[in-house]
PDB file of N, CA and C in Angstrom:
ATOM      1  N   VAL A   1     -46.379  42.121 -35.587  1.00  0.00           N
ATOM      2  CA  VAL A   1     -46.200  41.147 -36.682  1.00  0.00           C
ATOM      3  C   VAL A   1     -46.857  41.688 -37.726  1.00  0.00           C
ATOM      4  N   GLU A   2     -45.813  41.722 -38.930  1.00  0.00           N
ATOM      5  CA  GLU A   2     -46.103  42.100 -40.343  1.00  0.00           C
ATOM      6  C   GLU A   2     -47.383  41.243 -40.670  1.00  0.00           C
ATOM      7  N   LYS A   3     -48.219  41.921 -41.572  1.00  0.00           N
ATOM      8  CA  LYS A   3     -49.182  41.058 -42.216  1.00  0.00           C
ATOM      9  C   LYS A   3     -49.110  39.918 -42.860  1.00  0.00           C
ATOM     10  N   VAL A   4     -47.838  39.810 -43.451  1.00  0.00           N
ATOM     11  CA  VAL A   4     -47.741  38.690 -44.006  1.00  0.00           C
ATOM     12  C   VAL A   4     -47.292  37.501 -43.167  1.00  0.00           C
ATOM     13  N   HIS A   5     -46.845  37.792 -41.995  1.00  0.00           N
ATOM     14  CA  HIS A   5     -46.570  36.863 -40.918  1.00  0.00           C
ATOM     15  C   HIS A   5     -47.640  36.003 -40.248  1.00  0.00           C
ATOM     16  N   GLU A   6     -48.846  37.240 -39.965  1.00  0.00           N
ATOM     17  CA  GLU A   6     -49.986  36.868 -39.243  1.00  0.00           C
ATOM     18  C   GLU A   6     -50.161  35.282 -39.212  1.00  0.00           C
ATOM     19  N   SER A   7     -50.266  34.356 -40.302  1.00  0.00           N
ATOM     20  CA  SER A   7     -50.751  33.205 -40.441  1.00  0.00           C
ATOM     21  C   SER A   7     -49.694  32.413 -39.775  1.00  0.00           C
ATOM     22  N   ILE A   8     -48.660  32.681 -39.878  1.00  0.00           N
ATOM     23  CA  ILE A   8     -47.757  31.832 -39.168  1.00  0.00           C
ATOM     24  C   ILE A   8     -47.634  32.161 -37.502  1.00  0.00           C
ATOM     25  N   LEU A   9     -47.256  33.554 -37.354  1.00  0.00           N
ATOM     26  CA  LEU A   9     -46.880  34.075 -35.938  1.00  0.00           C
ATOM     27  C   LEU A   9     -48.258  34.296 -35.290  1.00  0.00           C
ATOM     28  N   THR A  10     -49.139  33.175 -35.137  1.00  0.00           N
ATOM     29  CA  THR A  10     -50.370  33.935 -34.440  1.00  0.00           C
ATOM     30  C   THR A  10     -50.130  33.848 -32.916  1.00  0.00           C
ATOM     31  N   PRO A  11     -51.115  34.652 -32.543  1.00  0.00           N
ATOM     32  CA  PRO A  11     -50.837  34.895 -31.051  1.00  0.00           C
ATOM     33  C   PRO A  11     -50.625  33.954 -29.876  1.00  0.00           C
ATOM     34  N   GLU A  12     -51.285  32.581 -30.423  1.00  0.00           N
ATOM     35  CA  GLU A  12     -50.585  31.243 -29.789  1.00  0.00           C
ATOM     36  C   GLU A  12     -49.034  30.956 -29.693  1.00  0.00           C
ATOM     37  N   ALA A  13     -48.689  30.874 -31.219  1.00  0.00           N
ATOM     38  CA  ALA A  13     -47.627  30.837 -31.622  1.00  0.00           C
ATOM     39  C   ALA A  13     -46.386  31.697 -30.785  1.00  0.00           C
ATOM     40  N   ILE A  14     -46.827  33.112 -30.938  1.00  0.00           N
ATOM     41  CA  ILE A  14     -46.110  34.035 -30.207  1.00  0.00           C
ATOM     42  C   ILE A  14     -45.889  33.851 -28.677  1.00  0.00           C
ATOM     43  N   LYS A  15     -46.743  33.290 -28.027  1.00  0.00           N
ATOM     44  CA  LYS A  15     -46.930  32.952 -26.615  1.00  0.00           C
ATOM     45  C   LYS A  15     -45.994  31.766 -26.211  1.00  0.00           C
ATOM     46  N   PHE A  16     -46.201  30.838 -27.500  1.00  0.00           N
ATOM     47  CA  PHE A  16     -45.282  29.785 -27.198  1.00  0.00           C
ATOM     48  C   PHE A  16     -43.926  30.058 -26.954  1.00  0.00           C
ATOM     49  N   LEU A  17     -43.467  30.922 -28.224  1.00  0.00           N
ATOM     50  CA  LEU A  17     -41.912  31.284 -28.204  1.00  0.00           C
ATOM     51  C   LEU A  17     -41.765  32.100 -27.397  1.00  0.00           C
ATOM     52  N   ALA A  18     -42.619  32.901 -26.610  1.00  0.00           N
ATOM     53  CA  ALA A  18     -42.041  33.534 -25.575  1.00  0.00           C
ATOM     54  C   ALA A  18     -41.819  32.837 -24.385  1.00  0.00           C
ATOM     55  N   THR A  19     -42.787  31.632 -24.019  1.00  0.00           N
ATOM     56  CA  THR A  19     -42.549  30.754 -23.151  1.00  0.00           C
ATOM     57  C   THR A  19     -41.004  29.943 -23.426  1.00  0.00           C
ATOM     58  N   LEU A  20     -40.671  29.439 -24.562  1.00  0.00           N
ATOM     59  CA  LEU A  20     -39.385  28.849 -24.743  1.00  0.00           C
ATOM     60  C   LEU A  20     -38.480  29.947 -24.449  1.00  0.00           C
ATOM     61  N   HIS A  21     -38.630  31.317 -24.862  1.00  0.00           N
ATOM     62  CA  HIS A  21     -37.418  32.200 -24.531  1.00  0.00           C
ATOM     63  C   HIS A  21     -37.200  32.285 -23.258  1.00  0.00           C
ATOM     64  N   ARG A  22     -38.265  32.617 -22.317  1.00  0.00           N
ATOM     65  CA  ARG A  22     -37.979  32.655 -20.977  1.00  0.00           C
ATOM     66  C   ARG A  22     -37.698  31.364 -20.260  1.00  0.00           C
ATOM     67  N   TYR A  23     -37.546  30.249 -20.853  1.00  0.00           N
ATOM     68  CA  TYR A  23     -37.434  28.822 -20.044  1.00  0.00           C
ATOM     69  C   TYR A  23     -35.895  28.873 -20.375  1.00  0.00           C
ATOM     70  N   PHE A  24     -35.598  29.008 -21.935  1.00  0.00           N
ATOM     71  CA  PHE A  24     -34.230  28.672 -22.356  1.00  0.00           C
ATOM     72  C   PHE A  24     -33.274  30.112 -22.211  1.00  0.00           C
ATOM     73  N   GLU A  25     -33.536  31.179 -22.163  1.00  0.00           N
ATOM     74  CA  GLU A  25     -32.702  32.580 -22.421  1.00  0.00           C
ATOM     75  C   GLU A  25     -31.481  32.092 -21.013  1.00  0.00           C
ATOM     76  N   PRO A  26     -31.867  31.844 -19.852  1.00  0.00           N
ATOM     77  CA  PRO A  26     -30.794  32.036 -18.896  1.00  0.00           C
ATOM     78  C   PRO A  26     -29.759  30.829 -19.400  1.00  0.00           C
ATOM     79  N   THR A  27     -29.788  29.695 -20.024  1.00  0.00           N
ATOM     80  CA  THR A  27     -29.033  28.668 -20.470  1.00  0.00           C
ATOM     81  C   THR A  27     -28.572  28.999 -21.721  1.00  0.00           C
ATOM     82  N   ARG A  28     -28.942  29.653 -22.775  1.00  0.00           N
ATOM     83  CA  ARG A  28     -28.137  30.105 -23.770  1.00  0.00           C
ATOM     84  C   ARG A  28     -27.374  31.219 -23.628  1.00  0.00           C
ATOM     85  N   ARG A  29     -27.701  32.224 -22.660  1.00  0.00           N
ATOM     86  CA  ARG A  29     -26.713  33.267 -22.032  1.00  0.00           C
ATOM     87  C   ARG A  29     -25.554  32.740 -21.320  1.00  0.00           C
ATOM     88  N   SER A  30     -25.637  31.446 -20.661  1.00  0.00           N
ATOM     89  CA  SER A  30     -24.510  31.189 -19.861  1.00  0.00           C
ATOM     90  C   SER A  30     -23.736  30.491 -20.809  1.00  0.00           C
ATOM     91  N   LEU A  31     -24.242  29.808 -21.662  1.00  0.00           N
ATOM     92  CA  LEU A  31     -23.313  28.992 -22.698  1.00  0.00           C
ATOM     93  C   LEU A  31     -22.540  29.801 -23.621  1.00  0.00           C
ATOM     94  N   SER A  32     -23.410  30.830 -23.890  1.00  0.00           N
ATOM     95  CA  SER A  32     -22.724  31.861 -25.031  1.00  0.00           C
ATOM     96  C   SER A  32     -21.328  32.502 -24.204  1.00  0.00           C
ATOM     97  N   GLN A  33     -21.612  32.795 -22.877  1.00  0.00           N
ATOM     98  CA  GLN A  33     -20.631  32.997 -22.007  1.00  0.00           C
ATOM     99  C   GLN A  33     -19.443  32.575 -21.979  1.00  0.00           C
ATOM    100  N   LEU A  34     -19.885  31.018 -21.903  1.00  0.00           N
ATOM    101  CA  LEU A  34     -18.703  29.998 -21.723  1.00  0.00           C
ATOM    102  C   LEU A  34     -17.799  30.104 -23.147  1.00  0.00           C
ATOM    103  N   CYS A  35     -18.566  30.391 -24.323  1.00  0.00           N
ATOM    104  CA  CYS A  35     -17.705  30.386 -25.347  1.00  0.00           C
ATOM    105  C   CYS A  35     -17.146  31.622 -25.911  1.00  0.00           C
ATOM    106  N   GLN A  36     -17.095  32.558 -25.049  1.00  0.00           N
ATOM    107  CA  GLN A  36     -16.276  33.954 -25.188  1.00  0.00           C
ATOM    108  C   GLN A  36     -14.960  33.928 -24.675  1.00  0.00           C
ATOM    109  N   LEU A  37     -14.752  33.005 -23.468  1.00  0.00           N
ATOM    110  CA  LEU A  37     -13.339  33.582 -22.979  1.00  0.00           C
ATOM    111  C   LEU A  37     -12.301  32.492 -23.787  1.00  0.00           C
ATOM    112  N   PRO A  38     -12.868  31.268 -24.580  1.00  0.00           N
ATOM    113  CA  PRO A  38     -11.848  30.565 -25.310  1.00  0.00           C
ATOM    114  C   PRO A  38     -12.047  31.527 -26.638  1.00  0.00           C
ATOM    115  N   GLN A  39     -12.793  32.289 -27.007  1.00  0.00           N
ATOM    116  CA  GLN A  39     -12.566  32.954 -28.345  1.00  0.00           C
ATOM    117  C   GLN A  39     -11.634  34.238 -28.254  1.00  0.00           C
ATOM    118  N   ALA A  40     -12.036  34.661 -26.964  1.00  0.00           N
ATOM    119  CA  ALA A  40     -11.055  35.808 -26.791  1.00  0.00           C
ATOM    120  C   ALA A  40      -9.654  35.641 -26.719  1.00  0.00           C
ATOM    121  N   CYS A  41      -9.431  34.334 -26.131  1.00  0.00           N
ATOM    122  CA  CYS A  41      -7.911  33.358 -26.307  1.00  0.00           C
ATOM    123  C   CYS A  41      -7.598  33.262 -27.499  1.00  0.00           C
ATOM    124  N   LEU A  42      -8.432  32.851 -28.645  1.00  0.00           N
ATOM    125  CA  LEU A  42      -7.878  33.080 -30.093  1.00  0.00           C
ATOM    126  C   LEU A  42      -7.730  33.907 -30.582  1.00  0.00           C
ATOM    127  N   ASP A  43      -8.426  35.066 -30.628  1.00  0.00           N
ATOM    128  CA  ASP A  43      -8.611  36.297 -30.893  1.00  0.00           C
ATOM    129  C   ASP A  43      -7.364  37.185 -30.752  1.00  0.00           C
ATOM    130  N   ALA A  44      -6.725  36.502 -29.296  1.00  0.00           N
ATOM    131  CA  ALA A  44      -5.486  37.577 -29.009  1.00  0.00           C
ATOM    132  C   ALA A  44      -4.309  36.661 -29.374  1.00  0.00           C
ATOM    133  N   GLY A  45      -4.450  35.596 -30.195  1.00  0.00           N
ATOM    134  CA  GLY A  45      -3.598  35.095 -30.560  1.00  0.00           C
ATOM    135  C   GLY A  45      -2.901  33.495 -30.015  1.00  0.00           C
ATOM    136  N   GLY A  46      -3.804  33.596 -28.848  1.00  0.00           N
ATOM    137  CA  GLY A  46      -3.519  32.130 -28.139  1.00  0.00           C
ATOM    138  C   GLY A  46      -3.883  30.851 -28.545  1.00  0.00           C
ATOM    139  N   LEU A  47      -3.733  29.531 -28.096  1.00  0.00           N
ATOM    140  CA  LEU A  47      -3.975  28.406 -28.727  1.00  0.00           C
ATOM    141  C   LEU A  47      -4.664  27.916 -27.665  1.00  0.00           C
ATOM    142  N   LEU A  48      -5.581  26.883 -28.048  1.00  0.00           N
ATOM    143  CA  LEU A  48      -6.413  26.095 -26.871  1.00  0.00           C
ATOM    144  C   LEU A  48      -5.600  24.692 -26.768  1.00  0.00           C
ATOM    145  N   GLU A  49      -5.616  24.492 -25.277  1.00  0.00           N
ATOM    146  CA  GLU A  49      -5.186  23.233 -25.033  1.00  0.00           C
ATOM    147  C   GLU A  49      -6.128  21.993 -24.519  1.00  0.00           C
ATOM    148  N   PHE A  50      -5.515  21.020 -24.725  1.00  0.00           N
ATOM    149  CA  PHE A  50      -6.265  19.780 -24.296  1.00  0.00           C
ATOM    150  C   PHE A  50      -6.376  20.002 -22.650  1.00  0.00           C
ATOM    151  N   ASN A  51      -7.520  19.469 -22.167  1.00  0.00           N
ATOM    152  CA  ASN A  51      -7.768  19.126 -20.775  1.00  0.00           C
ATOM    153  C   ASN A  51      -7.008  18.441 -20.216  1.00  0.00           C
ATOM    154  N   PRO A  52      -6.261  18.305 -19.368  1.00  0.00           N
ATOM    155  CA  PRO A  52      -5.175  17.891 -18.614  1.00  0.00           C
ATOM    156  C   PRO A  52      -5.658  16.536 -17.728  1.00  0.00           C
ATOM    157  N   GLN A  53      -7.028  16.386 -17.554  1.00  0.00           N
ATOM    158  CA  GLN A  53      -7.584  15.606 -16.775  1.00  0.00           C
ATOM    159  C   GLN A  53      -7.844  14.212 -17.957  1.00  0.00           C
ATOM    160  N   THR A  54      -7.754  14.288 -19.190  1.00  0.00           N
ATOM    161  CA  THR A  54      -7.811  13.481 -20.416  1.00  0.00           C
ATOM    162  C   THR A  54      -6.599  12.968 -20.993  1.00  0.00           C
ATOM    163  N   SER A  55      -5.373  13.343 -20.373  1.00  0.00           N
ATOM    164  CA  SER A  55      -4.309  13.115 -20.744  1.00  0.00           C
ATOM    165  C   SER A  55      -3.797  11.781 -21.043  1.00  0.00           C
ATOM    166  N   TRP A  56      -4.608  10.794 -20.361  1.00  0.00           N
ATOM    167  CA  TRP A  56      -4.455   9.469 -19.986  1.00  0.00           C
ATOM    168  C   TRP A  56      -4.743   8.899 -21.284  1.00  0.00           C
ATOM    169  N   ILE A  57      -5.749   9.363 -21.964  1.00  0.00           N
ATOM    170  CA  ILE A  57      -6.529   9.142 -23.221  1.00  0.00           C
ATOM    171  C   ILE A  57      -5.583   9.041 -24.138  1.00  0.00           C
ATOM    172  N   ARG A  58      -4.743  10.629 -24.233  1.00  0.00           N
ATOM    173  CA  ARG A  58      -3.703  10.700 -25.457  1.00  0.00           C
ATOM    174  C   ARG A  58      -2.329   9.988 -25.112  1.00  0.00           C
ATOM    175  N   GLU A  59      -1.976   9.574 -23.991  1.00  0.00           N
ATOM    176  CA  GLU A  59      -0.800   8.946 -23.875  1.00  0.00           C
ATOM    177  C   GLU A  59      -0.911   7.601 -23.904  1.00  0.00           C
ATOM    178  N   ASP A  60      -2.081   6.690 -23.830  1.00  0.00           N
ATOM    179  CA  ASP A  60      -2.119   5.420 -23.896  1.00  0.00           C
ATOM    180  C   ASP A  60      -2.337   4.947 -25.450  1.00  0.00           C
ATOM    181  N   LEU A  61      -1.447   4.598 -25.739  1.00  0.00           N
ATOM    182  CA  LEU A  61      -1.340   4.373 -27.425  1.00  0.00           C
ATOM    183  C   LEU A  61      -2.315   3.186 -27.855  1.00  0.00           C
ATOM    184  N   THR A  62      -2.687   2.336 -26.912  1.00  0.00           N
ATOM    185  CA  THR A  62      -3.530   1.218 -27.263  1.00  0.00           C
ATOM    186  C   THR A  62      -5.202   1.604 -26.923  1.00  0.00           C
ATOM    187  N   TRP A  63      -5.344   2.988 -26.459  1.00  0.00           N
ATOM    188  CA  TRP A  63      -6.556   3.197 -26.357  1.00  0.00           C
ATOM    189  C   TRP A  63      -7.612   3.408 -27.886  1.00  0.00           C
ATOM    190  N   GLN A  64      -8.619   2.860 -27.709  1.00  0.00           N
ATOM    191  CA  GLN A  64      -9.561   3.030 -28.777  1.00  0.00           C
ATOM    192  C   GLN A  64     -10.847   3.391 -28.381  1.00  0.00           C
ATOM    193  N   ALA A  65     -11.740   3.865 -29.363  1.00  0.00           N
ATOM    194  CA  ALA A  65     -12.937   4.404 -28.670  1.00  0.00           C
ATOM    195  C   ALA A  65     -14.081   3.055 -28.973  1.00  0.00           C
ATOM    196  N   ALA A  66     -15.045   3.067 -28.666  1.00  0.00           N
ATOM    197  CA  ALA A  66     -16.053   1.811 -28.463  1.00  0.00           C
ATOM    198  C   ALA A  66     -16.482   1.921 -30.038  1.00  0.00           C
ATOM    199  N   SER A  67     -16.866   0.412 -30.399  1.00  0.00           N
ATOM    200  CA  SER A  67     -17.323   0.449 -32.037  1.00  0.00           C
ATOM    201  C   SER A  67     -18.608   1.115 -32.053  1.00  0.00           C
ATOM    202  N   PRO A  68     -18.991   1.713 -32.907  1.00  0.00           N
ATOM    203  CA  PRO A  68     -20.073   2.138 -33.004  1.00  0.00           C
ATOM    204  C   PRO A  68     -21.264   1.132 -33.250  1.00  0.00           C
ATOM    205  N   ALA A  69     -22.492   1.704 -32.970  1.00  0.00           N
ATOM    206  CA  ALA A  69     -23.995   0.919 -32.829  1.00  0.00           C
ATOM    207  C   ALA A  69     -23.906   0.331 -34.215  1.00  0.00           C
ATOM    208  N   PRO A  70     -24.617  -0.839 -34.236  1.00  0.00           N
ATOM    209  CA  PRO A  70     -24.795  -1.710 -35.479  1.00  0.00           C
ATOM    210  C   PRO A  70     -25.454  -0.463 -36.485  1.00  0.00           C
ATOM    211  N   GLU A  71     -26.582   0.091 -36.036  1.00  0.00           N
ATOM    212  CA  GLU A  71     -27.397   0.957 -37.172  1.00  0.00           C
ATOM    213  C   GLU A  71     -26.215   2.408 -37.415  1.00  0.00           C
ATOM    214  N   LEU A  72     -25.379   2.325 -36.954  1.00  0.00           N
ATOM    215  CA  LEU A  72     -24.468   3.420 -37.568  1.00  0.00           C
ATOM    216  C   LEU A  72     -23.363   2.948 -38.403  1.00  0.00           C
ATOM    217  N   ARG A  73     -23.162   1.808 -38.486  1.00  0.00           N
ATOM    218  CA  ARG A  73     -22.071   1.114 -39.238  1.00  0.00           C
ATOM    219  C   ARG A  73     -22.358   1.211 -40.622  1.00  0.00           C
ATOM    220  N   ASP A  74     -23.080   1.394 -41.220  1.00  0.00           N
ATOM    221  CA  ASP A  74     -23.565   1.757 -42.549  1.00  0.00           C
ATOM    222  C   ASP A  74     -23.585   3.308 -42.983  1.00  0.00           C
ATOM    223  N   CYS A  75     -22.351   3.943 -43.248  1.00  0.00           N
ATOM    224  CA  CYS A  75     -22.575   5.373 -42.984  1.00  0.00           C
ATOM    225  C   CYS A  75     -22.790   5.615 -44.495  1.00  0.00           C
ATOM    226  N   ARG A  76     -23.358   4.788 -45.489  1.00  0.00           N
ATOM    227  CA  ARG A  76     -23.325   5.250 -46.808  1.00  0.00           C
ATOM    228  C   ARG A  76     -24.401   6.302 -46.833  1.00  0.00           C
ATOM    229  N   VAL A  77     -24.077   7.312 -47.824  1.00  0.00           N
ATOM    230  CA  VAL A  77     -25.149   8.728 -47.560  1.00  0.00           C
ATOM    231  C   VAL A  77     -25.788   8.577 -49.005  1.00  0.00           C
ATOM    232  N   GLU A  78     -26.761   9.429 -48.577  1.00  0.00           N
ATOM    233  CA  GLU A  78     -27.654   9.908 -49.980  1.00  0.00           C
ATOM    234  C   GLU A  78     -27.045  10.697 -50.867  1.00  0.00           C
ATOM    235  N   ILE A  79     -27.185  10.460 -51.992  1.00  0.00           N
ATOM    236  CA  ILE A  79     -26.246  11.407 -53.268  1.00  0.00           C
ATOM    237  C   ILE A  79     -27.638  12.239 -53.689  1.00  0.00           C
ATOM    238  N   THR A  80     -27.447  13.673 -54.165  1.00  0.00           N
ATOM    239  CA  THR A  80     -28.327  14.190 -54.767  1.00  0.00           C
ATOM    240  C   THR A  80     -27.293  14.654 -55.846  1.00  0.00           C
ATOM    241  N   GLY A  81     -28.006  14.829 -57.130  1.00  0.00           N
ATOM    242  CA  GLY A  81     -27.327  15.189 -58.241  1.00  0.00           C
ATOM    243  C   GLY A  81     -28.237  15.386 -59.821  1.00  0.00           C
ATOM    244  N   CYS A  82     -27.522  15.729 -60.764  1.00  0.00           N
ATOM    245  CA  CYS A  82     -28.225  16.315 -61.877  1.00  0.00           C
ATOM    246  C   CYS A  82     -28.366  14.838 -62.572  1.00  0.00           C
ATOM    247  N   VAL A  83     -29.168  14.789 -63.423  1.00  0.00           N
ATOM    248  CA  VAL A  83     -29.536  13.340 -64.214  1.00  0.00           C
ATOM    249  C   VAL A  83     -28.574  13.070 -65.196  1.00  0.00           C
ATOM    250  N   ASP A  84     -27.659  13.542 -65.804  1.00  0.00           N
ATOM    251  CA  ASP A  84     -26.770  13.588 -66.835  1.00  0.00           C
ATOM    252  C   ASP A  84     -26.228  12.115 -66.511  1.00  0.00           C
ATOM    253  N   CYS A  85     -26.177  11.206 -67.583  1.00  0.00           N
ATOM    254  CA  CYS A  85     -25.317  10.001 -67.724  1.00  0.00           C
ATOM    255  C   CYS A  85     -24.218   9.717 -66.658  1.00  0.00           C
ATOM    256  N   LYS A  86     -23.315  10.553 -66.933  1.00  0.00           N
ATOM    257  CA  LYS A  86     -22.004  10.419 -66.221  1.00  0.00           C
ATOM    258  C   LYS A  86     -22.104  10.401 -64.524  1.00  0.00           C
ATOM    259  N   MET A  87     -23.167  11.198 -64.123  1.00  0.00           N
ATOM    260  CA  MET A  87     -23.391  11.349 -62.768  1.00  0.00           C
ATOM    261  C   MET A  87     -24.399  10.369 -61.990  1.00  0.00           C
ATOM    262  N   VAL A  88     -25.346   9.631 -62.804  1.00  0.00           N
ATOM    263  CA  VAL A  88     -26.165   8.910 -62.834  1.00  0.00           C
ATOM    264  C   VAL A  88     -25.284   7.564 -62.385  1.00  0.00           C
ATOM    265  N   ILE A  89     -24.572   7.117 -63.233  1.00  0.00           N
ATOM    266  CA  ILE A  89     -23.533   5.996 -63.235  1.00  0.00           C
ATOM    267  C   ILE A  89     -22.674   5.904 -62.108  1.00  0.00           C
ATOM    268  N   ASN A  90     -22.040   7.097 -61.653  1.00  0.00           N
ATOM    269  CA  ASN A  90     -20.946   7.281 -60.618  1.00  0.00           C
ATOM    270  C   ASN A  90     -21.686   7.219 -59.363  1.00  0.00           C
ATOM    271  N   ALA A  91     -23.158   7.814 -59.555  1.00  0.00           N
ATOM    272  CA  ALA A  91     -23.638   7.859 -57.894  1.00  0.00           C
ATOM    273  C   ALA A  91     -24.139   6.027 -57.784  1.00  0.00           C
ATOM    274  N   LEU A  92     -24.555   5.571 -58.742  1.00  0.00           N
ATOM    275  CA  LEU A  92     -25.042   4.125 -58.570  1.00  0.00           C
ATOM    276  C   LEU A  92     -23.804   3.345 -58.423  1.00  0.00           C
ATOM    277  N   ASN A  93     -22.636   3.550 -58.731  1.00  0.00           N
ATOM    278  CA  ASN A  93     -21.639   2.760 -58.247  1.00  0.00           C
ATOM    279  C   ASN A  93     -20.911   3.428 -57.121  1.00  0.00           C
ATOM    280  N   SER A  94     -21.291   4.309 -56.520  1.00  0.00           N
ATOM    281  CA  SER A  94     -20.826   4.983 -55.444  1.00  0.00           C
ATOM    282  C   SER A  94     -20.844   3.853 -53.968  1.00  0.00           C
ATOM    283  N   GLY A  95     -21.769   3.519 -53.968  1.00  0.00           N
ATOM    284  CA  GLY A  95     -21.937   2.668 -52.687  1.00  0.00           C
ATOM    285  C   GLY A  95     -23.058   3.298 -51.795  1.00  0.00           C
ATOM    286  N   ALA A  96     -23.599   4.533 -52.303  1.00  0.00           N
ATOM    287  CA  ALA A  96     -24.366   5.030 -51.501  1.00  0.00           C
ATOM    288  C   ALA A  96     -25.920   4.433 -51.434  1.00  0.00           C
ATOM    289  N   ALA A  97     -26.356   4.725 -50.178  1.00  0.00           N
ATOM    290  CA  ALA A  97     -27.722   3.852 -49.835  1.00  0.00           C
ATOM    291  C   ALA A  97     -28.652   4.380 -50.635  1.00  0.00           C
ATOM    292  N   THR A  98     -28.847   5.425 -51.408  1.00  0.00           N
ATOM    293  CA  THR A  98     -29.641   5.961 -52.187  1.00  0.00           C
ATOM    294  C   THR A  98     -29.104   7.078 -53.147  1.00  0.00           C
ATOM    295  N   TYR A  99     -29.945   7.424 -54.179  1.00  0.00           N
ATOM    296  CA  TYR A  99     -29.461   8.173 -55.223  1.00  0.00           C
ATOM    297  C   TYR A  99     -31.051   9.387 -55.665  1.00  0.00           C
ATOM    298  N   MET A 100     -30.664  10.363 -55.443  1.00  0.00           N
ATOM    299  CA  MET A 100     -31.894  11.322 -55.616  1.00  0.00           C
ATOM    300  C   MET A 100     -31.800  12.134 -56.819  1.00  0.00           C
ATOM    301  N   ALA A 101     -32.485  11.874 -57.989  1.00  0.00           N
ATOM    302  CA  ALA A 101     -32.124  12.747 -59.079  1.00  0.00           C
ATOM    303  C   ALA A 101     -32.638  14.094 -58.737  1.00  0.00           C
ATOM    304  N   ASP A 102     -32.033  14.815 -59.228  1.00  0.00           N
ATOM    305  CA  ASP A 102     -32.498  16.502 -59.563  1.00  0.00           C
ATOM    306  C   ASP A 102     -32.967  16.766 -60.758  1.00  0.00           C
ATOM    307  N   PHE A 103     -34.068  16.699 -61.220  1.00  0.00           N
ATOM    308  CA  PHE A 103     -34.549  16.985 -62.443  1.00  0.00           C
ATOM    309  C   PHE A 103     -34.613  18.510 -62.482  1.00  0.00           C
ATOM    310  N   GLU A 104     -34.388  19.570 -61.816  1.00  0.00           N
ATOM    311  CA  GLU A 104     -34.538  20.763 -62.031  1.00  0.00           C
ATOM    312  C   GLU A 104     -33.877  21.418 -63.097  1.00  0.00           C
TER     313      GLU A 104
END
Protein backbone atom coordinates (compact mmCIF):
# COMPACT_ATOMS: atom_id res chain seq x y z
CA VAL A 1 0.00 0.00 0.00
CA GLU A 2 1.36 3.40 -0.97
CA LYS A 3 2.11 5.76 1.91
CA VAL A 4 -0.63 8.20 0.87
CA HIS A 5 -3.28 5.44 1.17
CA GLU A 6 -2.16 3.93 4.48
CA SER A 7 -4.69 5.89 6.53
CA ILE A 8 -7.57 4.49 4.46
CA LEU A 9 -6.29 1.05 3.54
CA THR A 10 -5.44 -0.11 7.03
CA PRO A 11 -4.62 -3.79 7.58
CA GLU A 12 -8.16 -4.26 8.92
CA ALA A 13 -9.68 -2.60 5.84
CA ILE A 14 -7.58 -4.75 3.51
CA LYS A 15 -8.62 -7.87 5.43
CA PHE A 16 -12.27 -6.81 5.11
CA LEU A 17 -11.90 -6.20 1.36
CA ALA A 18 -10.21 -9.58 0.93
CA THR A 19 -13.11 -11.25 2.75
CA LEU A 20 -15.61 -9.48 0.49
CA HIS A 21 -13.59 -10.50 -2.56
CA ARG A 22 -13.46 -14.16 -1.55
CA TYR A 23 -17.19 -14.19 -0.80
CA PHE A 24 -18.44 -12.36 -3.90
CA GLU A 25 -15.84 -13.24 -6.55
CA PRO A 26 -17.52 -16.50 -7.71
CA THR A 27 -20.83 -14.67 -8.16
CA ARG A 28 -19.14 -11.75 -9.90
CA ARG A 29 -17.40 -14.08 -12.33
CA SER A 30 -20.56 -16.05 -13.15
CA LEU A 31 -22.53 -12.85 -13.74
CA SER A 32 -19.74 -11.53 -15.92
CA GLN A 33 -19.84 -14.71 -18.01
CA LEU A 34 -23.62 -14.40 -18.41
CA CYS A 35 -23.09 -10.94 -19.92
CA GLN A 36 -20.50 -12.16 -22.42
CA LEU A 37 -22.84 -14.32 -24.51
CA PRO A 38 -25.37 -11.58 -25.36
CA GLN A 39 -22.52 -9.13 -25.89
CA ALA A 40 -20.80 -11.55 -28.31
CA CYS A 41 -24.10 -11.85 -30.20
CA LEU A 42 -24.39 -8.07 -30.46
CA ASP A 43 -20.74 -7.71 -31.46
CA ALA A 44 -21.35 -10.18 -34.31
CA GLY A 45 -24.23 -8.04 -35.59
CA GLY A 46 -26.99 -10.11 -34.04
CA LEU A 47 -30.08 -8.84 -32.29
CA LEU A 48 -31.35 -9.62 -28.84
CA GLU A 49 -34.74 -11.26 -28.64
CA PHE A 50 -37.50 -11.09 -26.08
CA ASN A 51 -37.97 -14.05 -23.77
CA PRO A 52 -40.69 -16.24 -25.36
CA GLN A 53 -42.03 -17.12 -21.90
CA THR A 54 -43.14 -13.51 -21.45
CA SER A 55 -44.81 -13.14 -24.84
CA TRP A 56 -48.25 -13.15 -23.20
CA ILE A 57 -47.43 -9.80 -21.60
CA ARG A 58 -46.50 -8.22 -24.91
CA GLU A 59 -49.52 -9.73 -26.70
CA ASP A 60 -52.09 -8.69 -24.07
CA LEU A 61 -53.05 -5.14 -25.02
CA THR A 62 -54.90 -4.68 -21.72
CA TRP A 63 -51.93 -5.60 -19.51
CA GLN A 64 -50.67 -2.80 -17.29
CA ALA A 65 -47.97 -2.67 -14.67
CA ALA A 66 -49.04 -2.26 -11.06
CA SER A 67 -49.37 1.27 -9.76
CA PRO A 68 -46.25 2.60 -8.05
CA ALA A 69 -46.07 2.67 -4.29
CA PRO A 70 -47.38 5.96 -2.81
CA GLU A 71 -43.90 7.09 -1.79
CA LEU A 72 -42.74 6.73 -5.41
CA ARG A 73 -45.60 8.67 -7.00
CA ASP A 74 -44.03 12.07 -6.41
CA CYS A 75 -41.07 11.79 -8.76
CA ARG A 76 -40.10 15.44 -8.72
CA VAL A 77 -36.39 15.74 -8.40
CA GLU A 78 -33.84 18.00 -6.84
CA ILE A 79 -32.41 20.54 -9.26
CA THR A 80 -28.91 21.87 -8.81
CA GLY A 81 -27.83 24.92 -10.73
CA CYS A 82 -26.14 28.25 -10.81
CA VAL A 83 -27.60 31.24 -8.99
CA ASP A 84 -28.44 33.52 -11.89
CA CYS A 85 -31.99 34.91 -11.79
CA LYS A 86 -33.31 32.98 -14.78
CA MET A 87 -32.09 29.62 -13.47
CA VAL A 88 -33.51 30.22 -9.98
CA ILE A 89 -36.90 31.32 -11.33
CA ASN A 90 -37.09 28.35 -13.71
CA ALA A 91 -36.07 25.95 -10.96
CA LEU A 92 -38.63 27.31 -8.50
CA ASN A 93 -41.35 27.02 -11.15
CA SER A 94 -40.30 23.52 -12.26
CA GLY A 95 -42.23 21.58 -9.66
CA ALA A 96 -39.08 19.95 -8.32
CA ALA A 97 -39.18 19.07 -4.65
CA THR A 98 -36.04 21.08 -3.88
CA TYR A 99 -33.54 23.42 -5.49
CA MET A 100 -29.91 23.54 -4.46
CA ALA A 101 -28.10 26.69 -5.56
CA ASP A 102 -24.48 26.24 -6.61
CA PHE A 103 -22.53 29.30 -5.45
CA GLU A 104 -19.16 28.10 -6.78
